[in-house]
């Protein structure tokens, strides 16, 4: 690995979902700047690196992005092999795009190493295919947390005809539910709530979109979690009948 900044996706939590390229980058890293949601077991792949924790979590005390940028620049100019290790995929709500651009503007080379995103892994391990012939021909990934607190295009999302995967939505469940229903989504549309995707602590439950807030409270849903919204949630009962009995009821509602 050359002395440059590697923007690496650590995947959703399961260390076995780490890519071979990510393992190779970590093995040769001299400095690893790691986000909060990265499984600590993954750091076993970088035994000779200096580990710097630069977590950013919604609603929690976080490391400012400007500080992270300056730290990357400092080590890159020292000629260090630097890995910026992010949970999931670095280009799906992971800020890799803006970091790569910021570095490039200062003459620093970077390379992105993809990781499996939590929405995909969580859905798969819950028996949900995000696309399914005759049910869903596409997937829309969206974050409920926006930098400027602007509202999403709920009507477009509700009527888009794709499976909807919502990241960082636990604190905005009321807005998500109200927005999608007001946007025209059918009240019986099934929703899966998947907490801590792909880890040993993964939990999941399913409900209808018009039951989302009540079901989340009963389930005691906590972050990090993703929502999978669409008819493919009901189809999961055909793949793994024991995962959620609620899906059968949703499918026939």
Protein backbone atom coordinates (compact mmCIF):
# COMPACT_ATOMS: atom_id res chain seq x y z
CA UNK A 1 0.00 0.00 0.00
CA UNK A 2 1.29 3.45 -0.90
CA UNK A 3 1.47 6.32 1.54
CA UNK A 4 -1.95 7.83 0.97
CA UNK A 5 -5.31 8.01 2.69
CA UNK A 6 -7.43 4.89 2.43
CA UNK A 7 -11.14 5.48 3.06
CA UNK A 8 -12.21 1.99 4.08
CA UNK A 9 -15.63 0.52 4.80
CA UNK A 10 -15.63 -1.83 7.78
CA UNK A 11 -19.06 -3.25 6.99
CA UNK A 12 -22.05 -3.34 9.33
CA UNK A 13 -20.50 -5.24 12.22
CA UNK A 14 -19.84 -8.87 11.36
CA UNK A 15 -16.02 -9.12 10.92
CA UNK A 16 -16.49 -11.86 8.31
CA UNK A 17 -18.17 -9.33 5.99
CA UNK A 18 -14.95 -7.31 5.72
CA UNK A 19 -13.48 -7.34 2.20
CA UNK A 20 -10.05 -8.78 1.43
CA UNK A 21 -8.92 -5.38 0.17
CA UNK A 22 -9.93 -3.78 3.46
CA UNK A 23 -7.98 -6.43 5.39
CA UNK A 24 -4.92 -5.77 3.26
CA UNK A 25 -5.13 -2.02 3.81
CA UNK A 26 -5.51 -2.45 7.56
CA UNK A 27 -2.57 -4.85 7.74
CA UNK A 28 -0.25 -2.25 6.25
CA UNK A 29 -1.71 0.80 7.96
CA UNK A 30 0.49 2.90 10.22
CA UNK A 31 -2.41 5.03 11.48
CA UNK A 32 -6.10 4.08 11.66
CA UNK A 33 -8.73 6.72 12.36
CA UNK A 34 -11.78 4.73 13.38
CA UNK A 35 -15.46 5.61 13.71
CA UNK A 36 -17.68 4.62 16.65
CA UNK A 37 -19.75 1.93 14.93
CA UNK A 38 -16.81 -0.18 13.80
CA UNK A 39 -16.64 -3.58 15.49
CA UNK A 40 -13.50 -3.58 17.71
CA UNK A 41 -12.64 -7.09 16.46
CA UNK A 42 -11.84 -5.60 13.06
CA UNK A 43 -8.93 -3.70 14.60
CA UNK A 44 -7.17 -7.04 15.07
CA UNK A 45 -6.26 -6.72 11.38
CA UNK A 46 -4.04 -3.68 12.06
CA UNK A 47 -1.78 -4.77 14.95
CA UNK A 48 1.03 -2.30 14.16
CA UNK A 49 -1.09 0.78 13.60
CA UNK A 50 -1.73 3.70 15.90
CA UNK A 51 -5.49 3.73 16.59
CA UNK A 52 -7.22 7.12 16.80
CA UNK A 53 -10.93 7.16 17.59
CA UNK A 54 -12.85 9.90 15.82
CA UNK A 55 -16.46 8.87 16.30
CA UNK A 56 -19.42 10.82 14.96
CA UNK A 57 -22.84 9.84 16.32
CA UNK A 58 -26.12 11.71 16.03
CA UNK A 59 -27.21 13.14 19.37
CA UNK A 60 -23.86 12.36 21.00
CA UNK A 61 -20.64 14.25 21.53
CA UNK A 62 -18.77 13.87 18.25
CA UNK A 63 -15.39 14.63 16.76
CA UNK A 64 -15.77 17.68 14.49
CA UNK A 65 -15.33 16.95 10.80
CA UNK A 66 -12.90 19.83 10.41
CA UNK A 67 -10.62 18.26 13.04
CA UNK A 68 -10.80 14.88 11.29
CA UNK A 69 -9.82 16.52 8.01
CA UNK A 70 -6.83 18.30 9.53
CA UNK A 71 -5.67 15.10 11.22
CA UNK A 72 -5.83 13.16 7.96
CA UNK A 73 -3.86 15.90 6.24
CA UNK A 74 -1.18 15.91 8.94
CA UNK A 75 -0.50 12.17 8.73
CA UNK A 76 -0.71 12.10 4.95
CA UNK A 77 1.92 14.85 4.71
CA UNK A 78 4.12 12.84 7.08
CA UNK A 79 4.03 10.02 4.52
CA UNK A 80 2.06 7.67 6.77
CA UNK A 81 -0.13 4.89 5.42
CA UNK A 82 -3.42 6.13 6.85
CA UNK A 83 -6.73 4.26 6.97
CA UNK A 84 -9.90 6.18 7.73
CA UNK A 85 -12.11 3.27 8.90
CA UNK A 86 -15.85 3.77 8.66
CA UNK A 87 -18.81 1.59 9.55
CA UNK A 88 -20.76 0.14 6.63
CA UNK A 89 -19.83 1.57 3.25
CA UNK A 90 -17.84 4.82 3.27
CA UNK A 91 -19.85 6.28 0.38
CA UNK A 92 -23.29 5.57 1.83
CA UNK A 93 -23.80 8.27 4.47
CA UNK A 94 -20.13 7.86 5.43
CA UNK A 95 -18.73 11.21 4.22
CA UNK A 96 -16.04 9.55 2.08
CA UNK A 97 -16.97 11.66 -0.91
CA UNK A 98 -16.48 14.96 0.85
CA UNK A 99 -13.29 13.76 2.58
CA UNK A 100 -11.80 12.55 -0.70
CA UNK A 101 -12.63 15.87 -2.33
CA UNK A 102 -11.18 17.85 0.59
CA UNK A 103 -7.93 15.86 0.42
CA UNK A 104 -7.69 16.15 -3.36
CA UNK A 105 -7.97 19.94 -3.12
CA UNK A 106 -4.83 19.83 -0.96
CA UNK A 107 -2.91 17.50 -3.24
CA UNK A 108 -3.43 14.33 -1.17
CA UNK A 109 -4.25 11.09 -2.95
CA UNK A 110 -6.96 8.85 -1.52
CA UNK A 111 -8.63 5.57 -2.42
CA UNK A 112 -12.04 4.30 -1.37
CA UNK A 113 -12.52 0.66 -0.35
CA UNK A 114 -16.18 -0.29 -0.30
CA UNK A 115 -17.88 -2.09 2.57
CA UNK A 116 -21.25 -3.78 2.92
CA UNK A 117 -23.81 -1.26 4.08
CA UNK A 118 -26.04 -1.92 7.11
CA UNK A 119 -29.26 -1.66 5.14
CA UNK A 120 -28.26 -4.51 2.85
CA UNK A 121 -26.76 -6.73 5.54
CA UNK A 122 -29.58 -6.19 8.01
CA UNK A 123 -32.25 -6.93 5.44
CA UNK A 124 -30.50 -10.05 4.19
CA UNK A 125 -29.93 -11.47 7.65
CA UNK A 126 -33.58 -10.88 8.44
CA UNK A 127 -34.64 -12.80 5.36
CA UNK A 128 -35.61 -9.73 3.35
CA UNK A 129 -34.49 -9.47 -0.30
CA UNK A 130 -34.32 -5.75 -1.07
CA UNK A 131 -35.33 -6.48 -4.66
CA UNK A 132 -37.64 -9.30 -5.69
CA UNK A 133 -39.12 -10.02 -9.11
CA UNK A 134 -42.76 -9.08 -9.20
CA UNK A 135 -42.51 -7.22 -5.89
CA UNK A 136 -39.78 -4.58 -6.01
CA UNK A 137 -37.60 -3.55 -8.94
CA UNK A 138 -35.36 -1.15 -7.06
CA UNK A 139 -34.05 0.17 -3.76
CA UNK A 140 -33.93 3.72 -2.40
CA UNK A 141 -31.44 4.46 0.39
CA UNK A 142 -32.15 7.60 2.38
CA UNK A 143 -31.08 9.19 5.65
CA UNK A 144 -33.69 10.73 7.92
CA UNK A 145 -31.03 13.02 9.41
CA UNK A 146 -30.17 15.95 7.15
CA UNK A 147 -27.46 18.54 7.72
CA UNK A 148 -29.86 21.46 7.36
CA UNK A 149 -32.88 19.74 8.97
CA UNK A 150 -34.79 20.00 5.69
CA UNK A 151 -37.69 17.64 5.01
CA UNK A 152 -37.40 14.77 2.57
CA UNK A 153 -39.60 14.46 -0.51
CA UNK A 154 -42.07 12.20 1.26
CA UNK A 155 -44.44 11.97 -1.69
CA UNK A 156 -41.65 10.89 -4.01
CA UNK A 157 -40.46 8.30 -1.52
CA UNK A 158 -43.97 7.04 -0.79
CA UNK A 159 -44.90 6.63 -4.43
CA UNK A 160 -41.51 5.69 -5.88
CA UNK A 161 -42.35 1.99 -6.21
CA UNK A 162 -39.04 0.83 -4.69
CA UNK A 163 -38.02 -0.73 -1.41
CA UNK A 164 -37.19 2.11 0.96
CA UNK A 165 -34.27 1.76 3.38
CA UNK A 166 -34.06 4.51 5.98
CA UNK A 167 -30.85 5.14 7.92
CA UNK A 168 -30.54 7.23 11.09
CA UNK A 169 -34.29 7.36 11.57
CA UNK A 170 -34.86 6.26 15.17
CA UNK A 171 -35.18 9.81 16.45
CA UNK A 172 -37.54 10.79 13.61
CA UNK A 173 -40.01 7.91 13.50
CA UNK A 174 -43.02 10.20 13.89
CA UNK A 175 -41.95 12.36 10.96
CA UNK A 176 -41.18 9.30 8.83
CA UNK A 177 -44.53 7.70 9.52
CA UNK A 178 -46.52 10.91 9.04
CA UNK A 179 -44.58 11.94 5.94
CA UNK A 180 -44.97 8.64 4.12
CA UNK A 181 -48.67 8.31 4.95
CA UNK A 182 -49.33 11.91 3.90
CA UNK A 183 -47.31 11.25 0.75
CA UNK A 184 -49.66 8.48 -0.29
CA UNK A 185 -48.08 5.29 1.02
CA UNK A 186 -50.64 2.57 1.76
CA UNK A 187 -51.27 2.24 5.49
CA UNK A 188 -50.71 -1.52 5.34
CA UNK A 189 -47.22 -1.26 3.84
CA UNK A 190 -44.95 -3.51 5.91
CA UNK A 191 -41.93 -2.14 7.75
CA UNK A 192 -38.99 -4.00 9.29
CA UNK A 193 -36.99 -2.40 12.09
CA UNK A 194 -33.50 -3.86 12.30
CA UNK A 195 -31.24 -2.89 15.17
CA UNK A 196 -27.45 -3.49 15.22
CA UNK A 197 -27.45 -5.24 11.85
CA UNK A 198 -25.24 -8.31 11.41
CA UNK A 199 -23.91 -8.29 14.98
CA UNK A 200 -24.55 -10.79 17.75
CA UNK A 201 -26.93 -8.20 19.23
CA UNK A 202 -29.08 -7.86 16.11
CA UNK A 203 -32.81 -7.58 16.79
CA UNK A 204 -35.66 -7.15 14.36
CA UNK A 205 -39.39 -6.78 14.29
CA UNK A 206 -42.03 -5.99 11.68
CA UNK A 207 -45.23 -3.97 11.57
CA UNK A 208 -47.36 -1.84 9.25
CA UNK A 209 -46.34 1.72 8.44
CA UNK A 210 -49.40 3.04 10.28
CA UNK A 211 -48.25 1.14 13.39
CA UNK A 212 -44.60 2.20 13.19
CA UNK A 213 -44.31 4.50 16.20
CA UNK A 214 -46.34 2.31 18.55
CA UNK A 215 -44.48 -0.82 17.45
CA UNK A 216 -41.09 0.86 17.88
CA UNK A 217 -41.97 1.92 21.43
CA UNK A 218 -43.17 -1.58 22.30
CA UNK A 219 -40.01 -3.07 20.79
CA UNK A 220 -37.82 -0.45 22.55
CA UNK A 221 -35.99 0.30 19.33
CA UNK A 222 -32.60 1.97 19.77
CA UNK A 223 -29.95 3.36 17.45
CA UNK A 224 -28.13 2.20 15.40
CA UNK A 225 -31.01 0.81 13.38
CA UNK A 226 -32.37 0.81 9.85
CA UNK A 227 -35.91 0.66 8.57
CA UNK A 228 -36.81 -1.44 5.54
CA UNK A 229 -40.16 -0.37 4.10
CA UNK A 230 -42.00 -2.17 1.32
CA UNK A 231 -43.74 -5.36 0.27
CA UNK A 232 -40.46 -7.31 0.32
CA UNK A 233 -40.72 -7.30 4.12
CA UNK A 234 -43.78 -9.55 3.92
CA UNK A 235 -41.99 -11.75 1.39
CA UNK A 236 -39.32 -12.51 3.99
CA UNK A 237 -41.71 -14.88 5.73
CA UNK A 238 -41.47 -17.15 2.69
CA UNK A 239 -37.68 -17.28 3.02
CA UNK A 240 -37.36 -17.67 6.78
CA UNK A 241 -40.81 -18.39 8.20
CA UNK A 242 -39.71 -18.20 11.83
CA UNK A 243 -38.16 -14.71 11.79
CA UNK A 244 -41.28 -12.62 12.17
CA UNK A 245 -44.78 -13.98 12.56
CA UNK A 246 -46.08 -10.45 12.02
CA UNK A 247 -44.98 -10.53 8.39
CA UNK A 248 -47.63 -13.11 7.56
CA UNK A 249 -50.33 -10.85 8.94
CA UNK A 250 -48.90 -7.85 7.09
CA UNK A 251 -48.84 -9.73 3.79
CA UNK A 252 -52.55 -10.52 3.99
CA UNK A 253 -53.66 -7.15 5.39
